[in-house]
């Protein structure tokens, strides 16, 4: 599998798990926001390598949301 595909699909998987953890309201929100931060980094790398500038910009905002969520749920 190409390196770019690894970043893409790991980013997607962590984003899916993040959404399920936050939506489940089971006290795992901090972990979920950590996964959002991880996902944004992985997809950000994929976007950078593939020159997807719009998606790269979006990942900066998702990373910011992940950090804010982790601070607020601490």
Protein backbone atom coordinates (compact mmCIF):
# COMPACT_ATOMS: atom_id res chain seq x y z
CA UNK A 1 0.00 0.00 0.00
CA UNK A 2 1.32 3.44 -0.87
CA UNK A 3 2.39 5.66 2.02
CA UNK A 4 -0.25 8.24 1.13
CA UNK A 5 -3.01 5.62 1.38
CA UNK A 6 -1.80 4.61 4.84
CA UNK A 7 -2.08 8.21 6.09
CA UNK A 8 -5.46 8.62 4.42
CA UNK A 9 -7.07 5.47 5.83
CA UNK A 10 -5.55 5.68 9.31
CA UNK A 11 -6.84 9.26 9.45
CA UNK A 12 -10.30 8.13 8.39
CA UNK A 13 -10.36 5.26 10.90
CA UNK A 14 -9.31 7.49 13.81
CA UNK A 15 -11.93 10.09 12.82
CA UNK A 16 -14.65 7.43 12.81
CA UNK A 17 -13.62 6.16 16.24
CA UNK A 18 -13.44 9.77 17.51
CA UNK A 19 -17.02 10.47 16.41
CA UNK A 20 -18.36 7.29 17.97
CA UNK A 21 -16.61 7.96 21.29
CA UNK A 22 -17.87 11.53 21.55
CA UNK A 23 -21.40 10.61 20.44
CA UNK A 24 -21.58 7.69 22.89
CA UNK A 25 -21.35 10.07 25.87
CA UNK A 26 -19.59 7.40 27.93
CA UNK A 27 -16.90 9.57 29.49
CA UNK A 28 -14.34 8.88 26.76
CA UNK A 29 -14.53 12.35 25.24
CA UNK A 30 -10.92 13.22 26.12
CA UNK A 31 -9.69 10.13 24.28
CA UNK A 32 -12.02 11.00 21.40
CA UNK A 33 -10.60 14.50 21.06
CA UNK A 34 -7.11 13.02 21.17
CA UNK A 35 -8.11 10.83 18.25
CA UNK A 36 -9.47 13.88 16.43
CA UNK A 37 -6.08 15.53 16.83
CA UNK A 38 -4.36 12.37 15.58
CA UNK A 39 -6.76 12.08 12.67
CA UNK A 40 -6.21 15.68 11.63
CA UNK A 41 -2.44 15.13 11.66
CA UNK A 42 -2.69 11.96 9.56
CA UNK A 43 -5.11 13.43 7.04
CA UNK A 44 -3.08 16.65 7.06
CA UNK A 45 0.02 14.72 6.01
CA UNK A 46 -2.00 12.95 3.31
CA UNK A 47 -3.36 16.30 2.09
CA UNK A 48 0.09 17.88 2.04
CA UNK A 49 1.61 14.98 0.10
CA UNK A 50 -1.27 15.02 -2.38
CA UNK A 51 -1.34 18.83 -2.63
CA UNK A 52 -4.96 18.98 -1.42
CA UNK A 53 -4.76 22.52 -0.06
CA UNK A 54 -8.39 22.85 0.98
CA UNK A 55 -8.34 19.62 2.96
CA UNK A 56 -5.01 20.62 4.53
CA UNK A 57 -6.51 23.92 5.70
CA UNK A 58 -9.53 22.08 7.10
CA UNK A 59 -7.23 19.79 9.12
CA UNK A 60 -5.71 22.81 10.90
CA UNK A 61 -9.21 23.69 12.13
CA UNK A 62 -9.91 20.09 13.15
CA UNK A 63 -6.61 19.99 15.04
CA UNK A 64 -7.58 23.22 16.82
CA UNK A 65 -10.97 21.70 17.73
CA UNK A 66 -9.19 18.60 19.07
CA UNK A 67 -6.91 20.69 21.29
CA UNK A 68 -9.81 22.84 22.55
CA UNK A 69 -11.85 19.69 23.26
CA UNK A 70 -8.99 18.12 25.20
CA UNK A 71 -8.50 21.27 27.27
CA UNK A 72 -12.22 21.63 28.00
CA UNK A 73 -12.70 17.94 28.96
CA UNK A 74 -9.62 17.77 31.18
